[in-house]
Structures are given as structure tokens and as C-alpha cells.
């Protein structure tokens, strides 16, 4: 009888991205891996789902038949929904998303397709982790972080996670011997100062490129931004109950 945990692997950079290939390699050392990932990049899709178009799944044949892979025409959240409802015969013991090429710390968690896939798994009652490396280079070095990925995944499998909580893990762009350790943090308060680069087509029609600057407004030393800037891996427990519970009593004093 196979006692290995079933692990669902997904991402938002697309099924061919080096980050997910590295993640698959690590998860294959731990459990029985099923991959369902977008067939093209889906960065910054947040929790979008496909409702106005059809969805397509393509089973990919690989030399290593022990790993089942599907590419999906939809978003990262679509990938998780299809995996749970159409592909897997039982819920996996773990869902991992990433490794994202670039940061998903602080407010970036809101926009992240990587983290939204993990959140969707959490909604389905599956322990889930989103992994990101602070290196946007397509050829980023993921070898350095593989031992940490394995350690964190095994800890989640062993200890489980509280209901309605998933983990947002970010790795600094450092060599392995430069990483000081792992810190459990809160999400830093930060914003994007957006700028739109307005241009014109040869026909005179306006169009825009979104640009902007990330501004960390938080000086606390218990945040993910502080940890990453100081050589630590950050782990932020993320909840998807968006209720501001601390405001309920205040609102109940209003004259609605």
C-alpha cells in the first residue's frame, strides 16, 4: 500500500517555468506528485476564475511516469478547482504553489496568482503553501532554496495547519550559506505607488503601461519585509476570512 502523501503542485508562471520544475523535484522526494498548472504565465491574476470561456486540460506525457502533469488554459485558481474536482480521486494531503519568480511578500499577496492558488486549496480544506523567490530572472537559481522548501513542506505535513490558514513563504535572493534562518512574520504594511506610462499608437489611440514603485511604510522588525531585507526566509500565516472582527462591536454602536 502506498503511504506517500498526495501532493498537488501548481503555480502562476506557467507549467514550463523553472520555479515549478524545481518545486516538483523537491515534492517528488516527499510524496506522490500531481501537477496542474497554467499553460501560459498568469502572474498577478489574484483569485480570478474563468467563467466566460471554456477551460481545457492537457495531460502531459513525461519520462517519469510517477508524476502526472496537466496544463490548464485557465488561472491558477482554476487549476486547483479542476485538480480537486476532476483529476484527483481524493483530496491531496498538501498543495504547494510556486516557486514564484519574484516577491509575494507584504501587499503583493493580494495580487498574487501563486498565493491565490494556495488560498483556494485552503478553502478546499487542503494544507497549502505558496513559495516565492525574490528573483524575477527566468533563470534564477532555485537550488539554494530546495532544502528549505523540503523542510517547510515536511513540517506542514507533520504538524498540519489550522483551519482557514495557509503559508506565504518568501526567500531572499542569497546563497545558501548567506541565509540566516527562517522567521515567522506578519505581513508588512506597504503599498504600490502606481504610475501609468501613457503612449499612443501610430493611429493616435491612447494606451497605457502600468508601472510603479513599491513603498514599505512599515518599520517593524517582525515583518516579512524586514526578515527578507536582513537575510531571513519569511513565513507569514495567511487567513482568507477577510472579516475585520475587531470592528464588529464598533459598527454595532452605529445607528443603521
C-alpha atoms as a PDB file:
ATOM      1  CA  UNK A   1       0.000   0.000   0.000  1.00  0.00           C
ATOM      2  CA  UNK A   2       1.314   3.448  -0.962  1.00  0.00           C
ATOM      3  CA  UNK A   3       1.580   5.577   2.176  1.00  0.00           C
ATOM      4  CA  UNK A   4       3.171   8.573   0.479  1.00  0.00           C
ATOM      5  CA  UNK A   5       1.161  11.776   0.733  1.00  0.00           C
ATOM      6  CA  UNK A   6      -0.524  13.051  -2.407  1.00  0.00           C
ATOM      7  CA  UNK A   7       0.866  16.497  -3.233  1.00  0.00           C
ATOM      8  CA  UNK A   8      -0.751  18.893  -5.689  1.00  0.00           C
ATOM      9  CA  UNK A   9       1.714  21.267  -7.359  1.00  0.00           C
ATOM     10  CA  UNK A  10       0.674  24.417  -9.201  1.00  0.00           C
ATOM     11  CA  UNK A  11       1.913  27.956  -9.912  1.00  0.00           C
ATOM     12  CA  UNK A  12       1.175  31.156 -11.817  1.00  0.00           C
ATOM     13  CA  UNK A  13       4.285  31.434 -14.006  1.00  0.00           C
ATOM     14  CA  UNK A  14       3.204  28.515 -16.189  1.00  0.00           C
ATOM     15  CA  UNK A  15       3.947  24.819 -16.228  1.00  0.00           C
ATOM     16  CA  UNK A  16       7.283  25.202 -18.013  1.00  0.00           C
ATOM     17  CA  UNK A  17       8.702  27.787 -15.591  1.00  0.00           C
ATOM     18  CA  UNK A  18      11.959  26.787 -13.852  1.00  0.00           C
ATOM     19  CA  UNK A  19      10.434  27.596 -10.475  1.00  0.00           C
ATOM     20  CA  UNK A  20       7.724  24.954 -10.694  1.00  0.00           C
ATOM     21  CA  UNK A  21      10.162  22.420 -12.130  1.00  0.00           C
ATOM     22  CA  UNK A  22      12.328  22.891  -9.026  1.00  0.00           C
ATOM     23  CA  UNK A  23       9.290  22.562  -6.767  1.00  0.00           C
ATOM     24  CA  UNK A  24       8.220  19.346  -8.496  1.00  0.00           C
ATOM     25  CA  UNK A  25      11.680  17.861  -7.949  1.00  0.00           C
ATOM     26  CA  UNK A  26      11.532  18.543  -4.215  1.00  0.00           C
ATOM     27  CA  UNK A  27       7.970  17.291  -3.784  1.00  0.00           C
ATOM     28  CA  UNK A  28       8.806  14.076  -5.649  1.00  0.00           C
ATOM     29  CA  UNK A  29      11.198  13.289  -2.795  1.00  0.00           C
ATOM     30  CA  UNK A  30       8.326  13.541  -0.328  1.00  0.00           C
ATOM     31  CA  UNK A  31       5.176  12.204  -1.932  1.00  0.00           C
ATOM     32  CA  UNK A  32       3.083  11.255  -4.927  1.00  0.00           C
ATOM     33  CA  UNK A  33       3.022  14.354  -7.120  1.00  0.00           C
ATOM     34  CA  UNK A  34       0.204  15.585  -9.347  1.00  0.00           C
ATOM     35  CA  UNK A  35       0.831  18.788 -11.283  1.00  0.00           C
ATOM     36  CA  UNK A  36      -1.933  21.041 -12.599  1.00  0.00           C
ATOM     37  CA  UNK A  37      -0.559  24.387 -13.747  1.00  0.00           C
ATOM     38  CA  UNK A  38      -1.381  27.111 -16.277  1.00  0.00           C
ATOM     39  CA  UNK A  39      -0.257  26.541 -19.850  1.00  0.00           C
ATOM     40  CA  UNK A  40       0.988  30.147 -20.002  1.00  0.00           C
ATOM     41  CA  UNK A  41       2.028  32.827 -17.486  1.00  0.00           C
ATOM     42  CA  UNK A  42      -0.793  34.006 -15.220  1.00  0.00           C
ATOM     43  CA  UNK A  43       1.062  36.369 -12.884  1.00  0.00           C
ATOM     44  CA  UNK A  44      -0.930  38.931 -10.887  1.00  0.00           C
ATOM     45  CA  UNK A  45      -4.225  37.186 -11.646  1.00  0.00           C
ATOM     46  CA  UNK A  46      -5.160  37.170  -7.974  1.00  0.00           C
ATOM     47  CA  UNK A  47      -8.148  34.949  -7.252  1.00  0.00           C
ATOM     48  CA  UNK A  48      -9.600  35.204 -10.743  1.00  0.00           C
ATOM     49  CA  UNK A  49     -11.594  32.300 -12.135  1.00  0.00           C
ATOM     50  CA  UNK A  50     -12.722  31.587 -15.682  1.00  0.00           C
ATOM     51  CA  UNK A  51     -16.482  31.931 -16.181  1.00  0.00           C
ATOM     52  CA  UNK A  52     -16.896  33.396 -19.681  1.00  0.00           C
ATOM     53  CA  UNK A  53     -14.655  30.997 -21.578  1.00  0.00           C
ATOM     54  CA  UNK A  54     -14.173  27.253 -21.775  1.00  0.00           C
ATOM     55  CA  UNK A  55     -11.396  25.559 -19.829  1.00  0.00           C
ATOM     56  CA  UNK A  56      -9.056  22.992 -21.321  1.00  0.00           C
ATOM     57  CA  UNK A  57      -6.815  20.418 -19.650  1.00  0.00           C
ATOM     58  CA  UNK A  58      -3.957  18.758 -21.480  1.00  0.00           C
ATOM     59  CA  UNK A  59      -2.304  15.717 -19.946  1.00  0.00           C
ATOM     60  CA  UNK A  60       1.437  15.898 -20.489  1.00  0.00           C
ATOM     61  CA  UNK A  61       3.490  12.760 -21.017  1.00  0.00           C
ATOM     62  CA  UNK A  62       6.776  12.746 -19.153  1.00  0.00           C
ATOM     63  CA  UNK A  63       9.602  10.242 -18.935  1.00  0.00           C
ATOM     64  CA  UNK A  64       8.990   9.905 -15.206  1.00  0.00           C
ATOM     65  CA  UNK A  65       5.580   8.264 -15.237  1.00  0.00           C
ATOM     66  CA  UNK A  66       5.256   8.548 -11.454  1.00  0.00           C
ATOM     67  CA  UNK A  67       4.483  12.259 -11.838  1.00  0.00           C
ATOM     68  CA  UNK A  68       1.190  13.108 -13.506  1.00  0.00           C
ATOM     69  CA  UNK A  69       1.106  16.539 -15.145  1.00  0.00           C
ATOM     70  CA  UNK A  70      -1.679  18.595 -16.678  1.00  0.00           C
ATOM     71  CA  UNK A  71      -1.513  22.007 -18.291  1.00  0.00           C
ATOM     72  CA  UNK A  72      -4.617  24.153 -17.918  1.00  0.00           C
ATOM     73  CA  UNK A  73      -5.845  27.014 -20.084  1.00  0.00           C
ATOM     74  CA  UNK A  74      -7.172  28.882 -17.050  1.00  0.00           C
ATOM     75  CA  UNK A  75      -5.945  30.745 -13.996  1.00  0.00           C
ATOM     76  CA  UNK A  76      -4.040  29.323 -11.008  1.00  0.00           C
ATOM     77  CA  UNK A  77      -7.303  29.099  -9.062  1.00  0.00           C
ATOM     78  CA  UNK A  78      -8.924  27.264 -11.987  1.00  0.00           C
ATOM     79  CA  UNK A  79      -6.050  24.784 -11.810  1.00  0.00           C
ATOM     80  CA  UNK A  80      -6.752  23.968  -8.171  1.00  0.00           C
ATOM     81  CA  UNK A  81     -10.504  23.723  -8.708  1.00  0.00           C
ATOM     82  CA  UNK A  82     -10.084  21.359 -11.650  1.00  0.00           C
ATOM     83  CA  UNK A  83      -7.498  19.279  -9.810  1.00  0.00           C
ATOM     84  CA  UNK A  84      -9.761  18.776  -6.799  1.00  0.00           C
ATOM     85  CA  UNK A  85     -12.995  18.224  -8.691  1.00  0.00           C
ATOM     86  CA  UNK A  86     -11.953  16.487 -11.906  1.00  0.00           C
ATOM     87  CA  UNK A  87      -8.500  14.920 -11.614  1.00  0.00           C
ATOM     88  CA  UNK A  88      -7.786  13.750  -8.089  1.00  0.00           C
ATOM     89  CA  UNK A  89      -9.793  10.866  -6.679  1.00  0.00           C
ATOM     90  CA  UNK A  90      -9.196  12.140  -3.157  1.00  0.00           C
ATOM     91  CA  UNK A  91      -8.081  15.394  -1.610  1.00  0.00           C
ATOM     92  CA  UNK A  92      -4.320  15.772  -1.511  1.00  0.00           C
ATOM     93  CA  UNK A  93      -2.535  15.978   1.823  1.00  0.00           C
ATOM     94  CA  UNK A  94      -0.713  19.101   0.633  1.00  0.00           C
ATOM     95  CA  UNK A  95      -0.869  21.747  -2.085  1.00  0.00           C
ATOM     96  CA  UNK A  96       2.239  23.742  -2.946  1.00  0.00           C
ATOM     97  CA  UNK A  97       2.277  26.690  -5.317  1.00  0.00           C
ATOM     98  CA  UNK A  98       5.341  28.250  -6.964  1.00  0.00           C
ATOM     99  CA  UNK A  99       8.170  28.669  -6.808  1.00  0.00           C
ATOM    100  CA  UNK A 100       7.200  32.132  -7.978  1.00  0.00           C
ATOM    101  CA  UNK A 101       9.758  34.160  -9.900  1.00  0.00           C
ATOM    102  CA  UNK A 102       9.635  37.317  -7.757  1.00  0.00           C
ATOM    103  CA  UNK A 103       8.345  38.551  -4.410  1.00  0.00           C
ATOM    104  CA  UNK A 104       4.931  37.841  -2.940  1.00  0.00           C
ATOM    105  CA  UNK A 105       5.650  39.487   0.402  1.00  0.00           C
ATOM    106  CA  UNK A 106       3.566  42.203   2.015  1.00  0.00           C
ATOM    107  CA  UNK A 107       0.664  43.597  -0.055  1.00  0.00           C
ATOM    108  CA  UNK A 108       1.764  41.557  -3.067  1.00  0.00           C
ATOM    109  CA  UNK A 109      -0.118  38.621  -1.563  1.00  0.00           C
ATOM    110  CA  UNK A 110      -3.360  40.302  -2.664  1.00  0.00           C
ATOM    111  CA  UNK A 111      -2.414  40.331  -6.344  1.00  0.00           C
ATOM    112  CA  UNK A 112      -0.528  37.055  -6.462  1.00  0.00           C
ATOM    113  CA  UNK A 113      -1.765  34.168  -8.563  1.00  0.00           C
ATOM    114  CA  UNK A 114       0.714  31.961  -6.737  1.00  0.00           C
ATOM    115  CA  UNK A 115      -0.799  32.719  -3.355  1.00  0.00           C
ATOM    116  CA  UNK A 116      -4.372  32.671  -4.639  1.00  0.00           C
ATOM    117  CA  UNK A 117      -3.852  29.080  -5.764  1.00  0.00           C
ATOM    118  CA  UNK A 118      -2.669  28.231  -2.246  1.00  0.00           C
ATOM    119  CA  UNK A 119      -5.624  30.093  -0.733  1.00  0.00           C
ATOM    120  CA  UNK A 120      -8.044  28.194  -2.977  1.00  0.00           C
ATOM    121  CA  UNK A 121      -6.555  24.927  -1.756  1.00  0.00           C
ATOM    122  CA  UNK A 122      -7.013  26.161   1.806  1.00  0.00           C
ATOM    123  CA  UNK A 123     -10.661  26.934   1.076  1.00  0.00           C
ATOM    124  CA  UNK A 124     -10.976  23.313  -0.059  1.00  0.00           C
ATOM    125  CA  UNK A 125      -9.587  22.194   3.286  1.00  0.00           C
ATOM    126  CA  UNK A 126      -6.142  21.284   1.945  1.00  0.00           C
ATOM    127  CA  UNK A 127      -2.985  22.385   3.821  1.00  0.00           C
ATOM    128  CA  UNK A 128      -1.239  24.748   1.410  1.00  0.00           C
ATOM    129  CA  UNK A 129       1.950  26.737   0.948  1.00  0.00           C
ATOM    130  CA  UNK A 130       2.906  29.416  -1.563  1.00  0.00           C
ATOM    131  CA  UNK A 131       6.641  29.691  -2.275  1.00  0.00           C
ATOM    132  CA  UNK A 132       8.333  32.714  -3.871  1.00  0.00           C
ATOM    133  CA  UNK A 133      11.934  33.696  -4.564  1.00  0.00           C
ATOM    134  CA  UNK A 134      12.950  37.359  -4.709  1.00  0.00           C
ATOM    135  CA  UNK A 135      14.491  36.935  -8.147  1.00  0.00           C
ATOM    136  CA  UNK A 136      12.492  37.786 -11.275  1.00  0.00           C
ATOM    137  CA  UNK A 137      15.101  36.254 -13.568  1.00  0.00           C
ATOM    138  CA  UNK A 138      13.695  33.314 -15.550  1.00  0.00           C
ATOM    139  CA  UNK A 139      16.993  31.510 -14.946  1.00  0.00           C
ATOM    140  CA  UNK A 140      17.062  32.193 -11.205  1.00  0.00           C
ATOM    141  CA  UNK A 141      18.989  29.748  -9.022  1.00  0.00           C
ATOM    142  CA  UNK A 142      16.475  27.579  -7.177  1.00  0.00           C
ATOM    143  CA  UNK A 143      18.995  25.003  -5.967  1.00  0.00           C
ATOM    144  CA  UNK A 144      19.850  27.128  -2.935  1.00  0.00           C
ATOM    145  CA  UNK A 145      16.316  27.057  -1.560  1.00  0.00           C
ATOM    146  CA  UNK A 146      15.397  23.417  -2.232  1.00  0.00           C
ATOM    147  CA  UNK A 147      16.451  22.150   1.237  1.00  0.00           C
ATOM    148  CA  UNK A 148      14.348  24.863   2.891  1.00  0.00           C
ATOM    149  CA  UNK A 149      11.332  24.056   0.700  1.00  0.00           C
ATOM    150  CA  UNK A 150      11.560  20.414   1.716  1.00  0.00           C
ATOM    151  CA  UNK A 151      11.916  21.265   5.418  1.00  0.00           C
ATOM    152  CA  UNK A 152       8.911  23.607   5.417  1.00  0.00           C
ATOM    153  CA  UNK A 153       6.733  21.161   3.469  1.00  0.00           C
ATOM    154  CA  UNK A 154       7.590  18.311   5.836  1.00  0.00           C
ATOM    155  CA  UNK A 155       6.792  20.487   8.846  1.00  0.00           C
ATOM    156  CA  UNK A 156       3.350  21.252   7.417  1.00  0.00           C
ATOM    157  CA  UNK A 157       2.691  17.587   6.660  1.00  0.00           C
ATOM    158  CA  UNK A 158       3.762  16.624  10.178  1.00  0.00           C
ATOM    159  CA  UNK A 159       2.093  19.380  12.182  1.00  0.00           C
ATOM    160  CA  UNK A 160      -0.833  20.260   9.889  1.00  0.00           C
ATOM    161  CA  UNK A 161      -2.162  23.817   9.700  1.00  0.00           C
ATOM    162  CA  UNK A 162      -5.080  25.472  11.490  1.00  0.00           C
ATOM    163  CA  UNK A 163      -8.313  25.603   9.515  1.00  0.00           C
ATOM    164  CA  UNK A 164      -8.552  28.545   7.101  1.00  0.00           C
ATOM    165  CA  UNK A 165      -4.801  29.286   7.238  1.00  0.00           C
ATOM    166  CA  UNK A 166      -2.176  28.860   4.504  1.00  0.00           C
ATOM    167  CA  UNK A 167       1.500  29.819   4.495  1.00  0.00           C
ATOM    168  CA  UNK A 168       3.134  32.536   2.399  1.00  0.00           C
ATOM    169  CA  UNK A 169       6.858  31.742   2.162  1.00  0.00           C
ATOM    170  CA  UNK A 170       9.342  34.139   0.570  1.00  0.00           C
ATOM    171  CA  UNK A 171      13.049  33.502   0.026  1.00  0.00           C
ATOM    172  CA  UNK A 172      15.674  36.241  -0.195  1.00  0.00           C
ATOM    173  CA  UNK A 173      17.978  36.170  -3.204  1.00  0.00           C
ATOM    174  CA  UNK A 174      21.011  34.832  -1.359  1.00  0.00           C
ATOM    175  CA  UNK A 175      23.377  31.902  -1.450  1.00  0.00           C
ATOM    176  CA  UNK A 176      22.541  29.081   0.937  1.00  0.00           C
ATOM    177  CA  UNK A 177      25.316  29.910   3.404  1.00  0.00           C
ATOM    178  CA  UNK A 178      24.141  33.547   3.485  1.00  0.00           C
ATOM    179  CA  UNK A 179      20.605  32.716   4.605  1.00  0.00           C
ATOM    180  CA  UNK A 180      20.422  33.313   8.349  1.00  0.00           C
ATOM    181  CA  UNK A 181      17.367  31.187   9.007  1.00  0.00           C
ATOM    182  CA  UNK A 182      13.561  31.233   8.939  1.00  0.00           C
ATOM    183  CA  UNK A 183      11.343  33.810  10.642  1.00  0.00           C
ATOM    184  CA  UNK A 184       7.604  33.604  11.167  1.00  0.00           C
ATOM    185  CA  UNK A 185       6.361  37.125  10.478  1.00  0.00           C
ATOM    186  CA  UNK A 186       3.414  39.373   9.978  1.00  0.00           C
ATOM    187  CA  UNK A 187       2.669  40.980   6.632  1.00  0.00           C
ATOM    188  CA  UNK A 188       4.331  44.375   6.324  1.00  0.00           C
ATOM    189  CA  UNK A 189       2.163  47.406   5.679  1.00  0.00           C
ATOM    190  CA  UNK A 190       3.209  48.601   2.233  1.00  0.00           C
ATOM    191  CA  UNK A 191       1.667  49.957  -0.940  1.00  0.00           C
ATOM    192  CA  UNK A 192       2.380  50.291  -4.634  1.00  0.00           C
ATOM    193  CA  UNK A 193       2.626  53.882  -5.862  1.00  0.00           C
ATOM    194  CA  UNK A 194       1.218  53.296  -9.317  1.00  0.00           C
ATOM    195  CA  UNK A 195       2.239  55.215 -12.387  1.00  0.00           C
ATOM    196  CA  UNK A 196       0.778  54.787 -15.841  1.00  0.00           C
ATOM    197  CA  UNK A 197       3.013  55.355 -18.822  1.00  0.00           C
ATOM    198  CA  UNK A 198       0.648  56.865 -21.381  1.00  0.00           C
ATOM    199  CA  UNK A 199       1.547  56.370 -25.037  1.00  0.00           C
ATOM    200  CA  UNK A 200      -0.109  56.496 -28.428  1.00  0.00           C
ATOM    201  CA  UNK A 201      -0.409  54.031 -31.257  1.00  0.00           C
ATOM    202  CA  UNK A 202       0.580  55.192 -34.768  1.00  0.00           C
ATOM    203  CA  UNK A 203      -3.152  55.700 -35.311  1.00  0.00           C
ATOM    204  CA  UNK A 204      -3.310  58.157 -32.399  1.00  0.00           C
ATOM    205  CA  UNK A 205      -5.127  55.915 -29.914  1.00  0.00           C
ATOM    206  CA  UNK A 206      -4.025  56.182 -26.276  1.00  0.00           C
ATOM    207  CA  UNK A 207      -2.725  53.141 -24.408  1.00  0.00           C
ATOM    208  CA  UNK A 208      -1.073  52.603 -21.039  1.00  0.00           C
ATOM    209  CA  UNK A 209       1.704  50.568 -19.426  1.00  0.00           C
ATOM    210  CA  UNK A 210       1.308  50.019 -15.685  1.00  0.00           C
ATOM    211  CA  UNK A 211       4.425  50.872 -13.709  1.00  0.00           C
ATOM    212  CA  UNK A 212       5.028  51.854 -10.115  1.00  0.00           C
ATOM    213  CA  UNK A 213       7.191  51.845  -7.034  1.00  0.00           C
ATOM    214  CA  UNK A 214       6.855  49.536  -4.030  1.00  0.00           C
ATOM    215  CA  UNK A 215       6.844  51.570  -0.818  1.00  0.00           C
ATOM    216  CA  UNK A 216       7.295  49.829   2.526  1.00  0.00           C
ATOM    217  CA  UNK A 217       5.607  52.008   5.160  1.00  0.00           C
ATOM    218  CA  UNK A 218       6.310  49.589   7.992  1.00  0.00           C
ATOM    219  CA  UNK A 219       9.377  49.999  10.218  1.00  0.00           C
ATOM    220  CA  UNK A 220       8.610  46.973  12.386  1.00  0.00           C
ATOM    221  CA  UNK A 221      11.219  44.260  12.811  1.00  0.00           C
ATOM    222  CA  UNK A 222       8.604  41.500  12.945  1.00  0.00           C
ATOM    223  CA  UNK A 223       7.520  41.829   9.304  1.00  0.00           C
ATOM    224  CA  UNK A 224       8.229  39.807   6.189  1.00  0.00           C
ATOM    225  CA  UNK A 225       9.908  42.786   4.530  1.00  0.00           C
ATOM    226  CA  UNK A 226      12.305  43.204   7.462  1.00  0.00           C
ATOM    227  CA  UNK A 227      13.126  39.494   7.514  1.00  0.00           C
ATOM    228  CA  UNK A 228      13.873  39.370   3.794  1.00  0.00           C
ATOM    229  CA  UNK A 229      15.964  42.537   3.888  1.00  0.00           C
ATOM    230  CA  UNK A 230      18.002  41.064   6.730  1.00  0.00           C
ATOM    231  CA  UNK A 231      18.790  37.687   5.215  1.00  0.00           C
ATOM    232  CA  UNK A 232      15.938  35.554   6.543  1.00  0.00           C
ATOM    233  CA  UNK A 233      13.290  33.420   4.880  1.00  0.00           C
ATOM    234  CA  UNK A 234       9.881  34.834   5.806  1.00  0.00           C
ATOM    235  CA  UNK A 235       6.815  32.752   6.621  1.00  0.00           C
ATOM    236  CA  UNK A 236       3.529  34.600   7.003  1.00  0.00           C
ATOM    237  CA  UNK A 237       0.407  32.671   8.047  1.00  0.00           C
ATOM    238  CA  UNK A 238      -2.384  33.952   5.804  1.00  0.00           C
ATOM    239  CA  UNK A 239      -6.086  33.697   6.569  1.00  0.00           C
ATOM    240  CA  UNK A 240      -8.780  34.033   3.946  1.00  0.00           C
ATOM    241  CA  UNK A 241     -11.569  35.103   6.300  1.00  0.00           C
ATOM    242  CA  UNK A 242     -11.496  38.807   5.404  1.00  0.00           C
ATOM    243  CA  UNK A 243     -13.848  39.823   8.212  1.00  0.00           C
ATOM    244  CA  UNK A 244     -12.474  42.680  10.322  1.00  0.00           C
ATOM    245  CA  UNK A 245     -13.615  41.011  13.545  1.00  0.00           C
ATOM    246  CA  UNK A 246     -12.249  43.798  15.747  1.00  0.00           C
ATOM    247  CA  UNK A 247     -14.584  46.326  14.095  1.00  0.00           C
ATOM    248  CA  UNK A 248     -17.858  44.419  14.567  1.00  0.00           C
ATOM    249  CA  UNK A 249     -18.521  45.733  18.064  1.00  0.00           C
ATOM    250  CA  UNK A 250     -17.805  49.287  16.929  1.00  0.00           C
ATOM    251  CA  UNK A 251     -20.188  49.039  13.971  1.00  0.00           C
ATOM    252  CA  UNK A 252     -22.889  47.691  16.252  1.00  0.00           C
ATOM    253  CA  UNK A 253     -22.895  51.050  18.078  1.00  0.00           C
ATOM    254  CA  UNK A 254     -23.816  52.895  14.871  1.00  0.00           C
ATOM    255  CA  UNK A 255     -27.418  53.875  14.099  1.00  0.00           C
ATOM    256  CA  UNK A 256     -28.048  51.829  10.977  1.00  0.00           C
END
